[in-house]
Amino acid sequence: MASINLIEAFQEFKDAENIDRPTMMKVVEDVFKTLLRKKYGSDENFDVIVNAEKGDLEIIRRRMIVEDGEVIDPLAEVGYTDAVKIEPDFEVGEELYEEVDMVDFGRRAILAAKQTLASRISDLKKNVLIKKYGDRIGEIISAEVYQVWKKEVLLLDEEGNELILPKSEQIPQDYFKKGENIRAVVERVDLKNNTPVIILSRTSPTFLAKLLEIEVPEIFDGLIAIKKIVRDPGERAKVAVESYDDRIDPVGACVGMKGSRIHGIVRELKNENIDVINFTTNIQLLIQRSLTPAKISYMELDNDKKHAEVYLKADQVSLAIGRRGVNIKLACELTGYEIDVFREDEEVVDEFDIDLDEFSDEIEPWVIDEFKRIGCDTARSILNLTAEELERRTDLEKETIGEVRRILQEEFDREE
């Protein structure tokens, strides 16, 4: 039989590489044209016909019938006597179509074709993967956790492609189990040993931007623009937004009624505090907003050096600095200015303090409220009092007070 069934001969490549049938057949056609060139020196007078439905391949050879003894080009012409041996009704001047038997190529050539095809399919798969994810950089995708390692997590997409989520791109509080689906943004496509490696990220500002785009229709529709996002993953983020419609409050739209829109994002980011602020070109106002939730009394700006000296009341200082200095660090990144914090009496703030609300993930809210009731709203205000004094002034148990003091002291020990 002068045809070969590709479904049987090459199915292993088709199944393994997940490449669409038309592309597969085009590659097969190219491989056999290469075989023809090796055997006959040219493929000009050959038609490689691939049946995409059945997977059958036929090679048809075209030659012009000429008088015996007038054959100049054996590849393009055939003598009359040889032609009528194939079909008695042929006449000089007609074109002879003859099916090439695969056996003519030989077993070794067919084996070489399969090896070439395997190589071509491998390259094709890499190119398809690079293009697919190269076009999706910055998009959120959902993938299934396949393997959890110390330095990275291996995920599989819906087509079985391998994706990598490095430890450096994971939120510190992230914990993954095999089989669960997680969301991340496509960060980049690397080439390692000529193999594409798809890198995902959950710490990128783009991840937060895309989550906002999903939750806030006004951002998706272009009515609200995200001007800048800065993050300390898992700890705090600041998002500057601007509305192109005077009727829309950009901050209110992003937060939603009673925080309905932002809560889902906060959960996805493992309780990362998200401050949404209204963007402005007024740098003084932008710095003031970026230090949320602290309230500034006044500030001095040096626009040439991009430096700001911010003055606050004593009880606002710890809010401005934030836990581990995260709040002021993000404010500097958001505004592009170096910000120094001072008390209103113009003494430099050299004793680091932390607002009690910053410990809401470790201390019960009702316990924090009880300390606030007696005027202790910062970490140092509690540590400066003895455990006996705190027990006498509050309705808290001795063990609860001891645990709170331990948590607060550990935080300062880490800072030192």
Protein backbone atom coordinates (compact mmCIF):
# COMPACT_ATOMS: atom_id res chain seq x y z
CA MET A 1 0.00 0.00 0.00
CA ALA A 2 1.45 3.32 -1.06
CA SER A 3 0.31 5.33 1.95
CA ILE A 4 1.15 5.47 5.62
CA ASN A 5 -1.30 5.90 8.49
CA LEU A 6 0.04 8.77 10.58
CA ILE A 7 -2.43 8.27 13.38
CA GLU A 8 -0.68 5.01 14.26
CA ALA A 9 2.87 5.99 13.30
CA PHE A 10 3.00 9.39 14.95
CA GLN A 11 0.17 9.37 17.52
CA GLU A 12 2.68 9.29 20.40
CA PHE A 13 3.92 12.75 19.42
CA LYS A 14 0.43 14.14 18.88
CA ASP A 15 -0.80 12.97 22.28
CA ALA A 16 2.31 13.96 24.22
CA GLU A 17 2.75 17.44 22.81
CA ASN A 18 -0.90 18.54 22.70
CA ILE A 19 -0.53 20.30 19.35
CA ASP A 20 -3.51 20.94 17.11
CA ARG A 21 -3.96 18.56 14.15
CA PRO A 22 -3.47 21.07 11.25
CA THR A 23 -0.15 22.21 12.71
CA MET A 24 0.87 18.60 13.27
CA MET A 25 0.06 17.67 9.66
CA LYS A 26 2.02 20.66 8.34
CA VAL A 27 5.07 19.53 10.28
CA VAL A 28 4.68 15.97 8.93
CA GLU A 29 4.41 17.33 5.39
CA ASP A 30 7.63 19.31 5.82
CA VAL A 31 9.44 16.25 7.21
CA PHE A 32 8.50 14.09 4.21
CA LYS A 33 9.41 16.83 1.75
CA THR A 34 12.84 16.77 3.36
CA LEU A 35 12.95 13.00 2.74
CA LEU A 36 12.04 13.57 -0.91
CA ARG A 37 14.82 16.11 -1.35
CA LYS A 38 17.33 13.67 0.13
CA LYS A 39 16.21 10.81 -2.11
CA TYR A 40 15.46 12.60 -5.39
CA GLY A 41 17.38 15.86 -5.01
CA SER A 42 14.22 17.97 -5.31
CA ASP A 43 10.60 17.98 -4.11
CA GLU A 44 9.29 20.26 -6.91
CA ASN A 45 7.45 17.49 -8.77
CA PHE A 46 6.04 15.86 -5.67
CA ASP A 47 2.81 16.62 -3.81
CA VAL A 48 2.61 15.55 -0.18
CA ILE A 49 -1.08 15.18 0.64
CA VAL A 50 -2.00 14.92 4.30
CA ASN A 51 -5.54 13.98 5.30
CA ALA A 52 -6.08 15.89 8.52
CA GLU A 53 -9.20 13.90 9.38
CA LYS A 54 -7.90 10.35 8.88
CA GLY A 55 -4.23 11.04 9.37
CA ASP A 56 -3.34 9.39 6.05
CA LEU A 57 -0.38 10.54 3.98
CA GLU A 58 0.06 10.17 0.23
CA ILE A 59 2.97 11.30 -1.90
CA ILE A 60 2.10 11.91 -5.54
CA ARG A 61 4.81 12.25 -8.19
CA ARG A 62 4.05 14.41 -11.25
CA ARG A 63 5.90 13.88 -14.56
CA MET A 64 5.24 14.93 -18.15
CA ILE A 65 5.02 12.09 -20.74
CA VAL A 66 7.47 12.64 -23.63
CA GLU A 67 8.61 10.59 -26.61
CA ASP A 68 11.03 7.78 -25.83
CA GLY A 69 14.61 9.01 -25.93
CA GLU A 70 13.61 12.68 -25.33
CA VAL A 71 13.72 12.56 -21.53
CA ILE A 72 15.95 15.43 -20.44
CA ASP A 73 14.93 15.76 -16.78
CA PRO A 74 14.06 12.35 -15.24
CA LEU A 75 12.46 14.05 -12.25
CA ALA A 76 10.00 16.04 -14.36
CA GLU A 77 9.66 13.80 -17.46
CA VAL A 78 8.98 10.14 -18.27
CA GLY A 79 9.27 8.22 -21.55
CA TYR A 80 6.10 7.04 -23.29
CA THR A 81 6.98 3.35 -22.99
CA ASP A 82 7.50 3.63 -19.21
CA ALA A 83 4.27 5.62 -18.86
CA VAL A 84 2.01 3.08 -20.59
CA LYS A 85 3.36 0.36 -18.30
CA ILE A 86 1.65 2.24 -15.49
CA GLU A 87 -1.54 3.08 -17.41
CA PRO A 88 -2.07 1.92 -21.04
CA ASP A 89 -4.33 4.90 -21.98
CA PHE A 90 -1.63 7.55 -21.50
CA GLU A 91 -0.48 9.63 -24.46
CA VAL A 92 2.51 11.88 -25.12
CA GLY A 93 1.94 15.37 -23.72
CA GLU A 94 -0.18 14.27 -20.80
CA GLU A 95 0.86 14.48 -17.18
CA LEU A 96 1.49 11.29 -15.27
CA TYR A 97 0.46 11.14 -11.63
CA GLU A 98 2.07 8.28 -9.76
CA GLU A 99 1.76 7.39 -6.09
CA VAL A 100 5.10 6.90 -4.33
CA ASP A 101 5.30 3.77 -2.18
CA MET A 102 6.67 4.43 1.30
CA VAL A 103 8.70 1.25 1.03
CA ASP A 104 10.85 3.06 -1.55
CA PHE A 105 12.24 5.28 1.20
CA GLY A 106 13.48 2.36 3.25
CA ARG A 107 13.10 1.54 6.92
CA ARG A 108 16.07 3.66 7.96
CA ALA A 109 14.69 6.76 6.25
CA ILE A 110 11.27 6.32 7.90
CA LEU A 111 12.95 5.93 11.30
CA ALA A 112 14.97 9.10 10.65
CA ALA A 113 11.72 10.86 9.73
CA LYS A 114 10.18 9.90 13.07
CA GLN A 115 13.24 11.18 14.93
CA THR A 116 13.17 14.43 12.97
CA LEU A 117 9.47 14.76 13.67
CA ALA A 118 10.04 14.27 17.39
CA SER A 119 12.63 17.05 17.38
CA ARG A 120 10.38 19.37 15.36
CA ILE A 121 7.41 18.74 17.63
CA SER A 122 9.55 19.44 20.70
CA ASP A 123 10.65 22.79 19.26
CA LEU A 124 7.09 23.54 18.23
CA LYS A 125 5.80 22.85 21.72
CA LYS A 126 8.38 25.22 23.21
CA ASN A 127 7.43 27.97 20.76
CA VAL A 128 3.72 27.46 21.41
CA LEU A 129 4.29 27.65 25.18
CA ILE A 130 6.53 30.72 24.93
CA LYS A 131 3.99 32.52 22.74
CA LYS A 132 1.00 31.49 24.84
CA TYR A 133 2.45 32.74 28.12
CA GLY A 134 4.51 35.52 26.55
CA ASP A 135 1.19 37.04 25.46
CA ARG A 136 -0.28 36.51 28.94
CA ILE A 137 2.41 38.23 31.02
CA GLY A 138 0.61 40.37 33.59
CA GLU A 139 -2.55 38.24 33.51
CA ILE A 140 -4.00 36.30 36.42
CA ILE A 141 -4.29 32.57 35.88
CA SER A 142 -5.56 29.72 38.02
CA ALA A 143 -3.48 26.55 38.26
CA GLU A 144 -3.41 23.35 40.30
CA VAL A 145 -0.67 22.65 42.82
CA TYR A 146 1.18 19.53 41.70
CA GLN A 147 4.29 19.50 43.88
CA VAL A 148 5.41 21.63 46.83
CA TRP A 149 9.15 22.05 47.32
CA LYS A 150 11.19 24.13 49.72
CA LYS A 151 12.20 26.79 47.21
CA GLU A 152 9.27 26.66 44.77
CA VAL A 153 5.87 25.22 43.96
CA LEU A 154 5.17 23.32 40.75
CA LEU A 155 1.73 23.92 39.24
CA LEU A 156 -0.11 22.56 36.22
CA ASP A 157 -2.43 24.58 33.99
CA GLU A 158 -5.56 23.18 32.32
CA GLU A 159 -3.44 21.77 29.47
CA GLY A 160 -0.91 20.11 31.77
CA ASN A 161 1.84 22.69 31.17
CA GLU A 162 4.23 23.11 34.10
CA LEU A 163 4.35 26.49 35.86
CA ILE A 164 6.69 27.59 38.65
CA LEU A 165 5.84 29.74 41.68
CA PRO A 166 9.19 30.49 43.40
CA LYS A 167 9.36 31.05 47.16
CA SER A 168 10.43 34.64 46.50
CA GLU A 169 7.16 35.23 44.62
CA GLN A 170 4.97 33.76 47.39
CA ILE A 171 3.29 35.78 50.13
CA PRO A 172 5.02 34.86 53.44
CA GLN A 173 1.74 33.49 54.85
CA ASP A 174 1.06 31.32 51.78
CA TYR A 175 0.60 27.61 52.48
CA PHE A 176 -0.21 25.28 49.61
CA LYS A 177 -1.40 21.68 49.47
CA LYS A 178 -1.22 19.35 46.49
CA GLY A 179 -4.37 19.42 44.40
CA GLU A 180 -5.63 22.86 45.41
CA ASN A 181 -6.16 25.63 42.85
CA ILE A 182 -4.37 28.91 43.39
CA ARG A 183 -4.35 32.23 41.57
CA ALA A 184 -1.20 34.07 40.53
CA VAL A 185 -0.06 36.47 37.85
CA VAL A 186 2.24 35.47 34.98
CA GLU A 187 5.45 37.30 35.84
CA ARG A 188 7.81 36.27 33.02
CA VAL A 189 8.93 33.46 30.72
CA ASP A 190 12.52 32.30 31.24
CA LEU A 191 14.59 29.95 29.11
CA LYS A 192 16.52 27.34 31.08
CA ASN A 193 18.64 24.91 29.05
CA ASN A 194 16.64 25.94 25.99
CA THR A 195 13.42 24.96 27.79
CA PRO A 196 10.77 27.58 28.60
CA VAL A 197 10.05 28.08 32.30
CA ILE A 198 6.85 29.97 33.18
CA ILE A 199 7.34 32.02 36.36
CA LEU A 200 4.27 33.07 38.37
CA SER A 201 4.03 35.64 41.16
CA ARG A 202 1.70 36.47 44.04
CA THR A 203 3.88 39.27 45.43
CA SER A 204 3.93 41.44 42.30
CA PRO A 205 1.99 44.76 42.41
CA THR A 206 0.46 43.57 39.11
CA PHE A 207 -1.25 40.72 40.98
CA LEU A 208 -3.02 43.22 43.25
CA ALA A 209 -3.83 45.44 40.26
CA LYS A 210 -5.48 42.54 38.41
CA LEU A 211 -7.42 41.48 41.51
CA LEU A 212 -8.76 45.04 41.78
CA GLU A 213 -9.65 44.96 38.09
CA ILE A 214 -11.69 41.79 38.68
CA GLU A 215 -13.49 43.13 41.77
CA VAL A 216 -14.03 46.74 40.64
CA PRO A 217 -15.96 47.08 37.34
CA GLU A 218 -15.08 50.78 37.12
CA ILE A 219 -11.38 49.87 36.83
CA PHE A 220 -12.11 47.23 34.20
CA ASP A 221 -14.21 49.76 32.24
CA GLY A 222 -11.46 52.39 32.41
CA LEU A 223 -13.44 54.88 34.52
CA ILE A 224 -10.92 54.52 37.34
CA ALA A 225 -7.17 54.25 36.75
CA ILE A 226 -4.63 52.66 39.08
CA LYS A 227 -1.76 55.15 39.10
CA LYS A 228 0.64 53.22 41.32
CA ILE A 229 0.78 50.23 43.67
CA VAL A 230 3.44 49.51 46.29
CA ARG A 231 3.41 46.38 48.45
CA ASP A 232 5.07 44.69 51.35
CA PRO A 233 3.51 41.30 50.53
CA GLY A 234 1.30 39.89 53.26
CA GLU A 235 1.83 42.97 55.43
CA ARG A 236 0.58 46.15 53.74
CA ALA A 237 -0.13 47.68 50.35
CA LYS A 238 -0.91 51.18 49.15
CA VAL A 239 -2.90 51.81 45.99
CA ALA A 240 -3.18 55.26 44.38
CA VAL A 241 -6.27 55.55 42.18
CA GLU A 242 -7.74 58.31 40.04
CA SER A 243 -11.23 58.73 38.60
CA TYR A 244 -11.88 59.97 35.06
CA ASP A 245 -15.54 60.59 35.95
CA ASP A 246 -16.26 63.36 38.46
CA ARG A 247 -19.36 61.49 39.63
CA ILE A 248 -17.32 58.48 40.81
CA ASP A 249 -15.39 58.41 44.08
CA PRO A 250 -12.40 56.20 43.17
CA VAL A 251 -11.59 55.22 46.76
CA GLY A 252 -15.20 54.40 47.61
CA ALA A 253 -15.62 52.40 44.40
CA CYS A 254 -12.52 50.32 45.13
CA VAL A 255 -13.40 49.64 48.77
CA GLY A 256 -17.08 48.97 48.11
CA MET A 257 -20.07 49.15 50.43
CA LYS A 258 -18.81 48.26 53.93
CA GLY A 259 -15.58 47.04 52.32
CA SER A 260 -17.38 44.39 50.26
CA ARG A 261 -15.04 44.71 47.26
CA ILE A 262 -11.75 44.98 49.10
CA HIS A 263 -12.43 42.17 51.61
CA GLY A 264 -12.15 39.42 49.00
CA ILE A 265 -8.80 40.79 47.87
CA VAL A 266 -7.55 41.06 51.45
CA ARG A 267 -8.41 37.38 52.01
CA GLU A 268 -6.65 36.37 48.78
CA LEU A 269 -3.54 38.27 49.94
CA LYS A 270 -3.56 36.59 53.38
CA ASN A 271 -4.96 39.59 55.32
CA GLU A 272 -2.64 42.14 53.72
CA ASN A 273 -3.77 45.62 54.81
CA ILE A 274 -4.69 47.64 51.71
CA ASP A 275 -4.77 51.45 51.84
CA VAL A 276 -6.59 52.92 48.83
CA ILE A 277 -5.85 56.62 48.37
CA ASN A 278 -6.96 59.24 45.88
CA PHE A 279 -4.08 60.15 43.57
CA THR A 280 -3.15 63.81 43.14
CA THR A 281 -0.35 65.75 41.46
CA ASN A 282 -0.18 67.92 44.59
CA ILE A 283 2.83 66.23 46.20
CA GLN A 284 2.11 67.64 49.66
CA LEU A 285 -1.40 66.24 49.61
CA LEU A 286 -0.16 62.94 48.13
CA ILE A 287 2.37 62.51 50.97
CA GLN A 288 -0.35 63.28 53.49
CA ARG A 289 -2.64 60.65 51.97
CA SER A 290 0.16 58.11 51.57
CA LEU A 291 0.85 58.14 55.32
CA THR A 292 -2.69 56.88 56.00
CA PRO A 293 -3.93 56.10 58.64
CA ALA A 294 -1.79 58.76 60.40
CA LYS A 295 -2.96 62.39 60.46
CA ILE A 296 -0.26 64.97 59.65
CA SER A 297 -0.10 68.34 61.40
CA TYR A 298 2.18 70.02 58.84
CA MET A 299 5.21 69.32 56.65
CA GLU A 300 8.22 70.94 55.02
CA LEU A 301 9.10 69.98 51.45
CA ASP A 302 12.33 70.12 49.48
CA ASN A 303 11.22 69.33 45.93
CA ASP A 304 14.74 69.57 44.50
CA LYS A 305 16.06 66.87 46.81
CA LYS A 306 12.69 65.07 46.93
CA HIS A 307 12.73 65.18 50.70
CA ALA A 308 9.87 65.77 53.13
CA GLU A 309 9.92 66.49 56.86
CA VAL A 310 6.56 65.52 58.32
CA TYR A 311 5.38 66.69 61.73
CA LEU A 312 2.70 64.83 63.68
CA LYS A 313 1.20 64.69 67.13
CA ALA A 314 2.82 62.16 69.45
CA ASP A 315 -0.05 59.69 69.21
CA GLN A 316 0.11 59.72 65.38
CA VAL A 317 3.80 58.95 65.07
CA SER A 318 3.50 55.19 65.51
CA LEU A 319 0.69 55.10 62.95
CA ALA A 320 2.81 56.98 60.41
CA ILE A 321 5.80 54.68 60.88
CA GLY A 322 3.76 51.49 61.08
CA ARG A 323 4.71 48.04 62.24
CA ARG A 324 8.33 47.26 61.30
CA GLY A 325 8.39 50.67 59.58
CA VAL A 326 6.31 49.31 56.70
CA ASN A 327 3.87 52.23 56.47
CA ILE A 328 6.48 54.94 56.03
CA LYS A 329 8.57 52.74 53.73
CA LEU A 330 5.62 52.24 51.37
CA ALA A 331 4.74 55.95 51.56
CA CYS A 332 8.28 56.77 50.38
CA GLU A 333 7.96 54.29 47.48
CA LEU A 334 4.55 55.60 46.49
CA THR A 335 5.47 59.30 46.46
CA GLY A 336 9.11 59.01 45.37
CA TYR A 337 10.10 61.26 48.30
CA GLU A 338 12.32 60.50 51.28
CA ILE A 339 10.09 61.11 54.30
CA ASP A 340 11.39 61.87 57.81
CA VAL A 341 8.92 61.86 60.70
CA PHE A 342 9.09 64.38 63.58
CA ARG A 343 6.92 65.15 66.58
CA GLU A 344 5.25 68.52 66.61
CA ASP A 345 7.74 69.78 69.17
CA GLU A 346 10.31 69.28 66.34
CA GLU A 347 12.25 66.67 68.26
CA VAL A 348 13.32 63.84 66.07
CA VAL A 349 11.39 60.67 66.72
CA ASP A 350 14.11 58.36 67.86
CA GLU A 351 12.07 55.99 70.05
CA PHE A 352 10.33 53.58 67.73
CA ASP A 353 6.75 52.76 68.70
CA ILE A 354 3.95 50.73 67.13
CA ASP A 355 0.22 51.37 67.14
CA LEU A 356 -1.70 48.64 68.96
CA ASP A 357 -4.03 48.10 65.98
CA GLU A 358 -1.05 46.80 64.01
CA PHE A 359 -1.18 43.66 66.20
CA SER A 360 -4.83 42.84 65.38
CA ASP A 361 -3.75 39.57 63.72
CA GLU A 362 -2.14 38.34 66.97
CA ILE A 363 -4.19 40.04 69.71
CA GLU A 364 -7.96 39.77 69.99
CA PRO A 365 -9.78 43.05 69.12
CA TRP A 366 -11.64 43.11 72.44
CA VAL A 367 -8.31 42.90 74.29
CA ILE A 368 -6.95 45.85 72.25
CA ASP A 369 -10.12 47.82 73.03
CA GLU A 370 -9.66 47.15 76.75
CA PHE A 371 -6.12 48.59 76.65
CA LYS A 372 -7.34 51.60 74.68
CA ARG A 373 -9.99 52.19 77.34
CA ILE A 374 -7.25 53.00 79.83
CA GLY A 375 -5.32 55.14 77.31
CA CYS A 376 -2.80 52.53 76.10
CA ASP A 377 -3.01 52.63 72.31
CA THR A 378 0.65 51.87 71.44
CA ALA A 379 3.02 49.01 72.23
CA ARG A 380 5.38 51.08 74.39
CA SER A 381 2.51 52.59 76.40
CA ILE A 382 1.72 49.05 77.58
CA LEU A 383 5.33 47.94 78.09
CA ASN A 384 6.06 51.10 80.11
CA LEU A 385 3.51 49.97 82.71
CA THR A 386 4.06 46.98 84.99
CA ALA A 387 1.96 43.86 84.62
CA GLU A 388 0.51 44.52 88.11
CA GLU A 389 -0.52 48.07 87.13
CA LEU A 390 -2.17 46.80 83.92
CA GLU A 391 -4.01 44.07 85.85
CA ARG A 392 -5.28 46.63 88.37
CA ARG A 393 -6.48 49.13 85.72
CA THR A 394 -8.04 46.67 83.24
CA ASP A 395 -10.50 43.80 83.44
CA LEU A 396 -7.99 41.43 81.83
CA GLU A 397 -6.60 38.22 83.27
CA LYS A 398 -2.96 38.08 84.39
CA GLU A 399 -2.20 35.41 81.74
CA THR A 400 -3.73 37.55 78.95
CA ILE A 401 -1.66 40.59 79.98
CA GLY A 402 1.50 38.47 80.09
CA GLU A 403 0.85 37.06 76.60
CA VAL A 404 0.22 40.55 75.17
CA ARG A 405 3.41 41.93 76.71
CA ARG A 406 5.36 38.95 75.30
CA ILE A 407 4.03 39.58 71.76
CA LEU A 408 4.85 43.30 71.96
CA GLN A 409 8.33 42.77 73.40
CA GLU A 410 9.19 40.19 70.71
CA GLU A 411 8.32 42.75 68.04
CA PHE A 412 10.76 45.31 69.50
CA ASP A 413 13.43 42.64 69.94
CA ARG A 414 13.16 41.84 66.22
CA GLU A 415 13.48 45.50 65.30
CA GLU A 416 16.68 45.80 67.35
